[in-house]
N, C-alpha and C. Protein backbone atom coordinates (compact mmCIF):
# COMPACT_ATOMS: atom_id res chain seq x y z
N ASP A 1 -99.66 2.10 -124.35
CA ASP A 1 -98.58 2.62 -125.18
C ASP A 1 -97.40 3.09 -124.32
N VAL A 2 -97.69 3.73 -123.19
CA VAL A 2 -96.61 4.22 -122.33
C VAL A 2 -95.78 3.06 -121.80
N SER A 3 -96.43 1.95 -121.47
CA SER A 3 -95.68 0.79 -120.98
C SER A 3 -94.77 0.23 -122.07
N LYS A 4 -95.20 0.27 -123.32
CA LYS A 4 -94.35 -0.18 -124.43
C LYS A 4 -93.15 0.75 -124.58
N ILE A 5 -93.37 2.04 -124.39
CA ILE A 5 -92.27 3.00 -124.50
C ILE A 5 -91.29 2.78 -123.36
N LYS A 6 -91.81 2.53 -122.16
CA LYS A 6 -90.93 2.25 -121.02
C LYS A 6 -90.10 0.99 -121.26
N LEU A 7 -90.72 -0.02 -121.81
CA LEU A 7 -90.01 -1.26 -122.13
C LEU A 7 -88.92 -1.00 -123.18
N GLU A 8 -89.25 -0.20 -124.17
CA GLU A 8 -88.28 0.17 -125.20
C GLU A 8 -87.11 0.94 -124.59
N GLU A 9 -87.39 1.81 -123.64
CA GLU A 9 -86.34 2.58 -122.98
C GLU A 9 -85.40 1.67 -122.19
N VAL A 10 -85.95 0.66 -121.55
CA VAL A 10 -85.12 -0.31 -120.81
C VAL A 10 -84.23 -1.07 -121.78
N LYS A 11 -84.78 -1.46 -122.91
CA LYS A 11 -84.01 -2.17 -123.94
C LYS A 11 -82.87 -1.28 -124.45
N VAL A 12 -83.18 -0.03 -124.73
CA VAL A 12 -82.18 0.90 -125.24
C VAL A 12 -81.08 1.13 -124.19
N SER A 13 -81.47 1.21 -122.93
CA SER A 13 -80.49 1.38 -121.85
C SER A 13 -79.51 0.22 -121.81
N SER A 14 -80.01 -0.98 -122.01
CA SER A 14 -79.14 -2.16 -122.04
C SER A 14 -78.18 -2.11 -123.21
N GLU A 15 -78.67 -1.68 -124.36
CA GLU A 15 -77.82 -1.56 -125.54
C GLU A 15 -76.74 -0.50 -125.33
N ILE A 16 -77.10 0.58 -124.66
CA ILE A 16 -76.13 1.65 -124.38
C ILE A 16 -75.02 1.12 -123.47
N ILE A 17 -75.39 0.39 -122.44
CA ILE A 17 -74.39 -0.17 -121.52
C ILE A 17 -73.45 -1.10 -122.28
N PHE A 18 -74.01 -1.93 -123.16
CA PHE A 18 -73.19 -2.84 -123.95
C PHE A 18 -72.21 -2.07 -124.83
N LEU A 19 -72.69 -1.05 -125.52
CA LEU A 19 -71.81 -0.28 -126.41
C LEU A 19 -70.74 0.48 -125.64
N GLU A 20 -71.07 0.98 -124.46
CA GLU A 20 -70.06 1.65 -123.63
C GLU A 20 -68.95 0.68 -123.25
N LYS A 21 -69.31 -0.53 -122.92
CA LYS A 21 -68.31 -1.55 -122.59
C LYS A 21 -67.49 -1.92 -123.82
N GLN A 22 -68.16 -1.97 -124.97
CA GLN A 22 -67.47 -2.30 -126.20
C GLN A 22 -66.42 -1.22 -126.55
N VAL A 23 -66.78 0.04 -126.38
CA VAL A 23 -65.83 1.13 -126.63
C VAL A 23 -64.62 0.98 -125.72
N GLU A 24 -64.86 0.66 -124.48
CA GLU A 24 -63.78 0.45 -123.52
C GLU A 24 -62.84 -0.67 -123.99
N LYS A 25 -63.42 -1.74 -124.50
CA LYS A 25 -62.61 -2.86 -124.99
C LYS A 25 -61.82 -2.48 -126.24
N TYR A 26 -62.42 -1.65 -127.11
CA TYR A 26 -61.68 -1.17 -128.28
C TYR A 26 -60.45 -0.38 -127.84
N ARG A 27 -60.58 0.43 -126.80
CA ARG A 27 -59.43 1.20 -126.29
C ARG A 27 -58.31 0.26 -125.86
N LYS A 28 -58.68 -0.81 -125.17
CA LYS A 28 -57.68 -1.78 -124.73
C LYS A 28 -57.05 -2.49 -125.92
N LEU A 29 -57.87 -2.79 -126.92
CA LEU A 29 -57.33 -3.44 -128.12
C LEU A 29 -56.33 -2.55 -128.84
N GLU A 30 -56.61 -1.25 -128.88
CA GLU A 30 -55.69 -0.31 -129.52
C GLU A 30 -54.32 -0.34 -128.85
N LEU A 31 -54.32 -0.47 -127.54
CA LEU A 31 -53.06 -0.55 -126.80
C LEU A 31 -52.36 -1.89 -127.00
N SER A 32 -53.14 -2.94 -127.07
CA SER A 32 -52.57 -4.28 -127.20
C SER A 32 -52.09 -4.60 -128.62
N PHE A 33 -52.75 -3.99 -129.60
CA PHE A 33 -52.43 -4.29 -131.00
C PHE A 33 -52.19 -3.00 -131.79
N PRO A 34 -51.08 -2.32 -131.50
CA PRO A 34 -50.82 -1.04 -132.16
C PRO A 34 -50.64 -1.15 -133.68
N ASN A 35 -50.28 -2.33 -134.16
CA ASN A 35 -50.08 -2.50 -135.61
C ASN A 35 -51.38 -2.46 -136.40
N ILE A 36 -52.52 -2.67 -135.76
CA ILE A 36 -53.81 -2.56 -136.45
C ILE A 36 -54.70 -1.51 -135.77
N LYS A 37 -54.02 -0.52 -135.20
CA LYS A 37 -54.71 0.54 -134.45
C LYS A 37 -55.75 1.26 -135.32
N ASN A 38 -55.44 1.50 -136.59
CA ASN A 38 -56.38 2.21 -137.46
C ASN A 38 -57.66 1.43 -137.68
N LYS A 39 -57.53 0.13 -137.87
CA LYS A 39 -58.71 -0.71 -138.07
C LYS A 39 -59.57 -0.74 -136.80
N ILE A 40 -58.92 -0.84 -135.68
CA ILE A 40 -59.63 -0.85 -134.40
C ILE A 40 -60.29 0.51 -134.16
N PHE A 41 -59.57 1.59 -134.50
CA PHE A 41 -60.12 2.94 -134.34
C PHE A 41 -61.39 3.10 -135.17
N ASP A 42 -61.38 2.62 -136.40
CA ASP A 42 -62.56 2.72 -137.26
C ASP A 42 -63.76 1.98 -136.64
N ALA A 43 -63.51 0.80 -136.12
CA ALA A 43 -64.58 0.03 -135.48
C ALA A 43 -65.09 0.76 -134.24
N LYS A 44 -64.17 1.35 -133.49
CA LYS A 44 -64.55 2.09 -132.28
C LYS A 44 -65.40 3.31 -132.65
N GLU A 45 -65.05 3.99 -133.72
CA GLU A 45 -65.82 5.16 -134.16
C GLU A 45 -67.24 4.77 -134.58
N LYS A 46 -67.40 3.63 -135.23
CA LYS A 46 -68.74 3.15 -135.59
C LYS A 46 -69.54 2.88 -134.32
N CYS A 47 -68.89 2.31 -133.35
CA CYS A 47 -69.54 2.02 -132.07
C CYS A 47 -69.96 3.32 -131.39
N TYR A 48 -69.07 4.33 -131.38
CA TYR A 48 -69.41 5.64 -130.84
C TYR A 48 -70.63 6.23 -131.53
N SER A 49 -70.66 6.10 -132.83
CA SER A 49 -71.78 6.64 -133.61
C SER A 49 -73.10 5.98 -133.20
N GLN A 50 -73.08 4.67 -133.06
CA GLN A 50 -74.27 3.94 -132.61
C GLN A 50 -74.68 4.40 -131.20
N LEU A 51 -73.69 4.62 -130.37
CA LEU A 51 -73.94 5.04 -129.00
C LEU A 51 -74.62 6.41 -128.97
N ILE A 52 -74.16 7.32 -129.79
CA ILE A 52 -74.77 8.65 -129.87
C ILE A 52 -76.22 8.55 -130.32
N GLU A 53 -76.46 7.74 -131.34
CA GLU A 53 -77.83 7.56 -131.85
C GLU A 53 -78.75 6.99 -130.77
N LEU A 54 -78.25 5.98 -130.05
CA LEU A 54 -79.07 5.36 -129.01
C LEU A 54 -79.33 6.31 -127.84
N ARG A 55 -78.34 7.11 -127.49
CA ARG A 55 -78.54 8.08 -126.41
C ARG A 55 -79.59 9.12 -126.80
N ALA A 56 -79.55 9.54 -128.05
CA ALA A 56 -80.56 10.49 -128.53
C ALA A 56 -81.95 9.85 -128.50
N TYR A 57 -82.03 8.61 -128.93
CA TYR A 57 -83.30 7.88 -128.91
C TYR A 57 -83.80 7.72 -127.47
N GLN A 58 -82.89 7.37 -126.57
CA GLN A 58 -83.24 7.21 -125.17
C GLN A 58 -83.79 8.53 -124.60
N CYS A 59 -83.15 9.61 -124.94
CA CYS A 59 -83.59 10.92 -124.48
C CYS A 59 -84.99 11.23 -124.98
N ALA A 60 -85.24 10.91 -126.24
CA ALA A 60 -86.59 11.13 -126.81
C ALA A 60 -87.62 10.26 -126.10
N LEU A 61 -87.28 9.01 -125.85
CA LEU A 61 -88.20 8.11 -125.14
C LEU A 61 -88.52 8.65 -123.75
N LYS A 62 -87.48 9.09 -123.04
CA LYS A 62 -87.70 9.60 -121.69
C LYS A 62 -88.56 10.85 -121.69
N SER A 63 -88.39 11.69 -122.70
CA SER A 63 -89.20 12.90 -122.76
C SER A 63 -90.67 12.58 -123.01
N VAL A 64 -90.94 11.54 -123.80
CA VAL A 64 -92.31 11.12 -124.05
C VAL A 64 -92.91 10.50 -122.78
N ILE A 65 -92.12 9.72 -122.08
CA ILE A 65 -92.61 9.08 -120.85
C ILE A 65 -92.94 10.12 -119.80
N SER A 66 -92.11 11.14 -119.67
CA SER A 66 -92.31 12.13 -118.61
C SER A 66 -93.37 13.18 -118.94
N SER A 67 -93.81 13.22 -120.20
CA SER A 67 -94.81 14.24 -120.56
C SER A 67 -96.23 13.77 -120.35
């Protein structure tokens, strides 16, 4: 079971890295396309929300692995 949790943590880490890069790209899009900044901002906020959830999940996984 611990190995499955470790594998899940690696998967979550990859998803976090992807979402962090996506947020960065949304920032660039906001600068490049100011006329649709609100739409881009909304998408970026959803991405942030997913990122927060995954970080919390990752933290929980790490606490189970280390206990």
